[in-house]
Amino acid sequence: KWILDYLGQRLGTMLSAYSETMFAILIITAALVFFYRDVVFGSRTFLMLNSTAGTMPGQQVYGYLYPIPEIPPVSDPGAIAWQIEPYNRYFSRELKQGEFPLWNPHTGLAGRPLYVDGQTGLFEPIQFLFAFLPDAWWPWSMDIQLLLRYFLAGFFTYLFLRRIKVGFWGGIAGGIAFMLSAYFLRWG
């Protein structure tokens, strides 16, 4: 009898913690969707490749021709459009062709080895999974990837704060605050 009582008590605690965590996921997701609603529901994107000339010729994001109408003010589009986005696109295309890109022949006079800087990150699990999506989905996959990273930052901050005995609403507020302390919020 005492074993059943103990198991019943533990199961009740687990279910309440589970439902609390599910509620936290819903709140954090709702905050993410609210603050980035133009990207989630509208025709905006986080990509900078169309707003910076000379990065990837012939590329169009969401059917826009260069330049994108009503480009929002961006502090430094080149930091993203000259290195991060072309690398992501290059990795994706090379992997789909059956090549594992260890060298970038398009950089400098003779190219340069990849994976020696902090920008490429092909082996990073989230980026690696998105590299296998079809080319037509690349702009959307990059937006989804960034939104997923923001969600994970907020959710794991919430879990950390709950672990150190911060209350439920304090954990939610901390998770949302950390999730929204990103580079793009100012222009989101």
C-alpha atoms as a PDB file:
ATOM      1  CA  LYS A   1       0.000   0.000   0.000  1.00  0.00           C
ATOM      2  CA  TRP A   2       2.732   2.490   0.869  1.00  0.00           C
ATOM      3  CA  ILE A   3       4.384   1.809  -2.534  1.00  0.00           C
ATOM      4  CA  LEU A   4       1.155   2.725  -4.338  1.00  0.00           C
ATOM      5  CA  ASP A   5       0.765   5.857  -2.219  1.00  0.00           C
ATOM      6  CA  TYR A   6       4.344   6.893  -2.976  1.00  0.00           C
ATOM      7  CA  LEU A   7       3.956   6.234  -6.727  1.00  0.00           C
ATOM      8  CA  GLY A   8       0.644   8.114  -6.786  1.00  0.00           C
ATOM      9  CA  GLN A   9       2.231  11.074  -5.042  1.00  0.00           C
ATOM     10  CA  ARG A  10       5.212  11.111  -7.429  1.00  0.00           C
ATOM     11  CA  LEU A  11       2.937  10.800 -10.466  1.00  0.00           C
ATOM     12  CA  GLY A  12       0.836  13.750  -9.262  1.00  0.00           C
ATOM     13  CA  THR A  13       3.985  15.848  -8.832  1.00  0.00           C
ATOM     14  CA  MET A  14       5.233  14.833 -12.276  1.00  0.00           C
ATOM     15  CA  LEU A  15       1.910  15.650 -13.935  1.00  0.00           C
ATOM     16  CA  SER A  16       1.716  19.065 -12.336  1.00  0.00           C
ATOM     17  CA  ALA A  17       5.334  19.810 -13.325  1.00  0.00           C
ATOM     18  CA  TYR A  18       4.577  18.548 -16.844  1.00  0.00           C
ATOM     19  CA  SER A  19       1.487  20.725 -17.208  1.00  0.00           C
ATOM     20  CA  GLU A  20       3.376  23.720 -15.814  1.00  0.00           C
ATOM     21  CA  THR A  21       6.165  23.159 -18.352  1.00  0.00           C
ATOM     22  CA  MET A  22       3.660  22.846 -21.209  1.00  0.00           C
ATOM     23  CA  PHE A  23       2.017  26.091 -20.097  1.00  0.00           C
ATOM     24  CA  ALA A  24       5.445  27.767 -20.018  1.00  0.00           C
ATOM     25  CA  ILE A  25       6.144  26.532 -23.559  1.00  0.00           C
ATOM     26  CA  LEU A  26       2.858  28.050 -24.732  1.00  0.00           C
ATOM     27  CA  ILE A  27       3.575  31.416 -23.099  1.00  0.00           C
ATOM     28  CA  ILE A  28       7.150  31.596 -24.414  1.00  0.00           C
ATOM     29  CA  THR A  29       5.992  30.613 -27.910  1.00  0.00           C
ATOM     30  CA  ALA A  30       3.216  33.211 -27.806  1.00  0.00           C
ATOM     31  CA  ALA A  31       5.712  35.920 -26.826  1.00  0.00           C
ATOM     32  CA  LEU A  32       8.068  34.865 -29.627  1.00  0.00           C
ATOM     33  CA  VAL A  33       5.269  34.891 -32.202  1.00  0.00           C
ATOM     34  CA  PHE A  34       4.016  38.272 -30.964  1.00  0.00           C
ATOM     35  CA  PHE A  35       7.376  40.038 -31.124  1.00  0.00           C
ATOM     36  CA  TYR A  36       8.335  38.492 -34.471  1.00  0.00           C
ATOM     37  CA  ARG A  37       4.863  38.414 -36.020  1.00  0.00           C
ATOM     38  CA  ASP A  38       6.084  40.107 -39.209  1.00  0.00           C
ATOM     39  CA  VAL A  39       8.413  37.188 -39.839  1.00  0.00           C
ATOM     40  CA  VAL A  40       6.000  34.465 -38.689  1.00  0.00           C
ATOM     41  CA  PHE A  41       2.851  35.720 -40.424  1.00  0.00           C
ATOM     42  CA  GLY A  42       4.008  38.483 -42.751  1.00  0.00           C
ATOM     43  CA  SER A  43       6.370  38.675 -45.664  1.00  0.00           C
ATOM     44  CA  ARG A  44       9.395  39.843 -43.668  1.00  0.00           C
ATOM     45  CA  THR A  45      12.575  37.868 -43.280  1.00  0.00           C
ATOM     46  CA  PHE A  46      15.686  37.947 -41.131  1.00  0.00           C
ATOM     47  CA  LEU A  47      17.859  37.501 -44.227  1.00  0.00           C
ATOM     48  CA  MET A  48      19.951  40.418 -45.369  1.00  0.00           C
ATOM     49  CA  LEU A  49      21.118  39.100 -48.737  1.00  0.00           C
ATOM     50  CA  ASN A  50      18.792  41.302 -50.785  1.00  0.00           C
ATOM     51  CA  SER A  51      19.551  44.445 -48.811  1.00  0.00           C
ATOM     52  CA  THR A  52      23.316  44.297 -49.331  1.00  0.00           C
ATOM     53  CA  ALA A  53      24.535  44.486 -52.896  1.00  0.00           C
ATOM     54  CA  GLY A  54      26.978  41.951 -54.263  1.00  0.00           C
ATOM     55  CA  THR A  55      26.529  39.101 -51.814  1.00  0.00           C
ATOM     56  CA  MET A  56      24.755  36.418 -53.813  1.00  0.00           C
ATOM     57  CA  PRO A  57      23.756  37.476 -57.311  1.00  0.00           C
ATOM     58  CA  GLY A  58      20.477  36.203 -58.640  1.00  0.00           C
ATOM     59  CA  GLN A  59      19.087  35.415 -55.219  1.00  0.00           C
ATOM     60  CA  GLN A  60      15.624  36.573 -54.299  1.00  0.00           C
ATOM     61  CA  VAL A  61      13.987  36.285 -50.929  1.00  0.00           C
ATOM     62  CA  TYR A  62      10.227  35.703 -50.985  1.00  0.00           C
ATOM     63  CA  GLY A  63      10.061  36.787 -54.629  1.00  0.00           C
ATOM     64  CA  TYR A  64      11.380  40.304 -54.028  1.00  0.00           C
ATOM     65  CA  LEU A  65      13.746  41.750 -56.582  1.00  0.00           C
ATOM     66  CA  TYR A  66      16.747  43.696 -55.397  1.00  0.00           C
ATOM     67  CA  PRO A  67      16.272  45.897 -53.430  1.00  0.00           C
ATOM     68  CA  ILE A  68      13.537  44.713 -51.101  1.00  0.00           C
ATOM     69  CA  PRO A  69      10.779  47.340 -50.881  1.00  0.00           C
ATOM     70  CA  GLU A  70      10.708  49.189 -47.582  1.00  0.00           C
ATOM     71  CA  ILE A  71      13.963  47.815 -46.211  1.00  0.00           C
ATOM     72  CA  PRO A  72      13.906  48.332 -42.467  1.00  0.00           C
ATOM     73  CA  PRO A  73      16.901  50.148 -40.974  1.00  0.00           C
ATOM     74  CA  VAL A  74      19.637  47.660 -40.206  1.00  0.00           C
ATOM     75  CA  SER A  75      22.718  48.505 -38.211  1.00  0.00           C
ATOM     76  CA  ASP A  76      25.130  46.248 -40.081  1.00  0.00           C
ATOM     77  CA  PRO A  77      23.638  44.135 -42.880  1.00  0.00           C
ATOM     78  CA  GLY A  78      27.090  43.287 -44.205  1.00  0.00           C
ATOM     79  CA  ALA A  79      28.075  41.303 -41.128  1.00  0.00           C
ATOM     80  CA  ILE A  80      25.365  38.805 -41.938  1.00  0.00           C
ATOM     81  CA  ALA A  81      25.016  39.073 -45.711  1.00  0.00           C
ATOM     82  CA  TRP A  82      28.712  38.939 -46.607  1.00  0.00           C
ATOM     83  CA  GLN A  83      29.671  35.915 -44.555  1.00  0.00           C
ATOM     84  CA  ILE A  84      27.017  34.000 -42.637  1.00  0.00           C
ATOM     85  CA  GLU A  85      24.275  33.725 -45.269  1.00  0.00           C
ATOM     86  CA  PRO A  86      26.580  32.836 -48.189  1.00  0.00           C
ATOM     87  CA  TYR A  87      28.310  30.179 -46.055  1.00  0.00           C
ATOM     88  CA  ASN A  88      24.982  28.638 -45.080  1.00  0.00           C
ATOM     89  CA  ARG A  89      23.865  28.590 -48.697  1.00  0.00           C
ATOM     90  CA  TYR A  90      27.214  27.174 -49.873  1.00  0.00           C
ATOM     91  CA  PHE A  91      27.169  24.385 -47.260  1.00  0.00           C
ATOM     92  CA  SER A  92      23.641  23.427 -48.140  1.00  0.00           C
ATOM     93  CA  ARG A  93      24.358  23.186 -51.859  1.00  0.00           C
ATOM     94  CA  GLU A  94      27.593  21.252 -51.416  1.00  0.00           C
ATOM     95  CA  LEU A  95      26.043  18.712 -49.047  1.00  0.00           C
ATOM     96  CA  LYS A  96      23.163  18.111 -51.456  1.00  0.00           C
ATOM     97  CA  GLN A  97      25.677  17.439 -54.233  1.00  0.00           C
ATOM     98  CA  GLY A  98      27.369  14.792 -52.090  1.00  0.00           C
ATOM     99  CA  GLU A  99      30.424  16.887 -51.230  1.00  0.00           C
ATOM    100  CA  PHE A 100      31.577  17.671 -47.719  1.00  0.00           C
ATOM    101  CA  PRO A 101      32.887  21.250 -47.916  1.00  0.00           C
ATOM    102  CA  LEU A 102      36.155  21.520 -46.015  1.00  0.00           C
ATOM    103  CA  TRP A 103      37.524  24.309 -48.199  1.00  0.00           C
ATOM    104  CA  ASN A 104      35.857  27.441 -49.518  1.00  0.00           C
ATOM    105  CA  PRO A 105      37.302  28.140 -52.970  1.00  0.00           C
ATOM    106  CA  HIS A 106      35.334  31.399 -53.286  1.00  0.00           C
ATOM    107  CA  THR A 107      37.153  33.311 -50.545  1.00  0.00           C
ATOM    108  CA  GLY A 108      40.323  35.224 -51.305  1.00  0.00           C
ATOM    109  CA  LEU A 109      42.737  34.389 -54.109  1.00  0.00           C
ATOM    110  CA  ALA A 110      43.141  30.687 -53.371  1.00  0.00           C
ATOM    111  CA  GLY A 111      40.266  30.038 -51.009  1.00  0.00           C
ATOM    112  CA  ARG A 112      40.505  29.238 -47.350  1.00  0.00           C
ATOM    113  CA  PRO A 113      39.845  26.339 -45.022  1.00  0.00           C
ATOM    114  CA  LEU A 114      36.449  26.243 -43.399  1.00  0.00           C
ATOM    115  CA  TYR A 115      35.640  25.431 -39.780  1.00  0.00           C
ATOM    116  CA  VAL A 116      38.531  27.520 -38.477  1.00  0.00           C
ATOM    117  CA  ASP A 117      36.368  30.473 -37.528  1.00  0.00           C
ATOM    118  CA  GLY A 118      33.263  30.894 -35.447  1.00  0.00           C
ATOM    119  CA  GLN A 119      31.019  31.863 -38.331  1.00  0.00           C
ATOM    120  CA  THR A 120      30.644  28.739 -40.447  1.00  0.00           C
ATOM    121  CA  GLY A 121      29.184  26.310 -37.929  1.00  0.00           C
ATOM    122  CA  LEU A 122      28.026  23.527 -40.243  1.00  0.00           C
ATOM    123  CA  PHE A 123      28.492  20.959 -37.494  1.00  0.00           C
ATOM    124  CA  GLU A 124      26.159  22.846 -35.196  1.00  0.00           C
ATOM    125  CA  PRO A 125      23.156  20.475 -34.949  1.00  0.00           C
ATOM    126  CA  ILE A 126      20.331  22.875 -35.802  1.00  0.00           C
ATOM    127  CA  GLN A 127      22.136  24.347 -38.800  1.00  0.00           C
ATOM    128  CA  PHE A 128      23.190  20.917 -40.037  1.00  0.00           C
ATOM    129  CA  LEU A 129      19.585  19.658 -40.092  1.00  0.00           C
ATOM    130  CA  PHE A 130      18.349  22.688 -42.003  1.00  0.00           C
ATOM    131  CA  ALA A 131      21.085  22.255 -44.614  1.00  0.00           C
ATOM    132  CA  PHE A 132      19.199  19.332 -46.143  1.00  0.00           C
ATOM    133  CA  LEU A 133      15.979  21.195 -46.918  1.00  0.00           C
ATOM    134  CA  PRO A 134      15.177  21.951 -50.581  1.00  0.00           C
ATOM    135  CA  ASP A 135      16.687  25.114 -52.079  1.00  0.00           C
ATOM    136  CA  ALA A 136      13.270  26.698 -52.536  1.00  0.00           C
ATOM    137  CA  TRP A 137      12.770  26.568 -48.757  1.00  0.00           C
ATOM    138  CA  TRP A 138      16.122  28.108 -47.877  1.00  0.00           C
ATOM    139  CA  PRO A 139      14.847  31.617 -46.930  1.00  0.00           C
ATOM    140  CA  TRP A 140      12.074  30.156 -44.769  1.00  0.00           C
ATOM    141  CA  SER A 141      14.391  27.592 -43.224  1.00  0.00           C
ATOM    142  CA  MET A 142      16.808  30.315 -42.164  1.00  0.00           C
ATOM    143  CA  ASP A 143      13.980  32.253 -40.502  1.00  0.00           C
ATOM    144  CA  ILE A 144      12.649  29.129 -38.789  1.00  0.00           C
ATOM    145  CA  GLN A 145      16.157  28.239 -37.641  1.00  0.00           C
ATOM    146  CA  LEU A 146      16.624  31.627 -35.994  1.00  0.00           C
ATOM    147  CA  LEU A 147      13.174  31.555 -34.384  1.00  0.00           C
ATOM    148  CA  LEU A 148      13.918  28.057 -33.073  1.00  0.00           C
ATOM    149  CA  ARG A 149      17.176  29.291 -31.552  1.00  0.00           C
ATOM    150  CA  TYR A 150      15.362  32.164 -29.830  1.00  0.00           C
ATOM    151  CA  PHE A 151      12.713  29.773 -28.497  1.00  0.00           C
ATOM    152  CA  LEU A 152      15.340  27.374 -27.152  1.00  0.00           C
ATOM    153  CA  ALA A 153      17.172  30.259 -25.472  1.00  0.00           C
ATOM    154  CA  GLY A 154      13.984  31.378 -23.742  1.00  0.00           C
ATOM    155  CA  PHE A 155      12.826  27.886 -22.797  1.00  0.00           C
ATOM    156  CA  PHE A 156      16.137  26.711 -21.363  1.00  0.00           C
ATOM    157  CA  THR A 157      16.491  29.963 -19.440  1.00  0.00           C
ATOM    158  CA  TYR A 158      13.049  29.290 -17.976  1.00  0.00           C
ATOM    159  CA  LEU A 159      14.116  25.740 -17.025  1.00  0.00           C
ATOM    160  CA  PHE A 160      17.336  27.032 -15.463  1.00  0.00           C
ATOM    161  CA  LEU A 161      15.504  29.627 -13.404  1.00  0.00           C
ATOM    162  CA  ARG A 162      12.966  27.054 -12.204  1.00  0.00           C
ATOM    163  CA  ARG A 163      15.834  24.749 -11.279  1.00  0.00           C
ATOM    164  CA  ILE A 164      17.342  27.391  -9.004  1.00  0.00           C
ATOM    165  CA  LYS A 165      13.944  27.817  -7.311  1.00  0.00           C
ATOM    166  CA  VAL A 166      12.748  30.990  -9.035  1.00  0.00           C
ATOM    167  CA  GLY A 167       8.942  31.102  -9.153  1.00  0.00           C
ATOM    168  CA  PHE A 168       6.905  30.213 -12.231  1.00  0.00           C
ATOM    169  CA  TRP A 169       6.222  33.778 -13.395  1.00  0.00           C
ATOM    170  CA  GLY A 170       9.780  34.842 -12.596  1.00  0.00           C
ATOM    171  CA  GLY A 171      11.044  31.967 -14.747  1.00  0.00           C
ATOM    172  CA  ILE A 172       8.706  32.962 -17.568  1.00  0.00           C
ATOM    173  CA  ALA A 173       9.758  36.619 -17.362  1.00  0.00           C
ATOM    174  CA  GLY A 174      13.447  35.676 -17.299  1.00  0.00           C
ATOM    175  CA  GLY A 175      13.067  33.276 -20.225  1.00  0.00           C
ATOM    176  CA  ILE A 176      11.208  35.822 -22.350  1.00  0.00           C
ATOM    177  CA  ALA A 177      13.651  38.599 -21.445  1.00  0.00           C
ATOM    178  CA  PHE A 178      16.637  36.470 -22.436  1.00  0.00           C
ATOM    179  CA  MET A 179      14.900  35.251 -25.596  1.00  0.00           C
ATOM    180  CA  LEU A 180      14.192  38.817 -26.681  1.00  0.00           C
ATOM    181  CA  SER A 181      17.656  40.170 -25.922  1.00  0.00           C
ATOM    182  CA  ALA A 182      18.708  39.335 -29.458  1.00  0.00           C
ATOM    183  CA  TYR A 183      20.296  41.322 -32.249  1.00  0.00           C
ATOM    184  CA  PHE A 184      17.123  41.619 -34.314  1.00  0.00           C
ATOM    185  CA  LEU A 185      14.618  42.721 -31.647  1.00  0.00           C
ATOM    186  CA  ARG A 186      15.429  46.377 -32.163  1.00  0.00           C
ATOM    187  CA  TRP A 187      14.370  46.073 -35.790  1.00  0.00           C
ATOM    188  CA  GLY A 188      11.784  43.292 -35.341  1.00  0.00           C
END
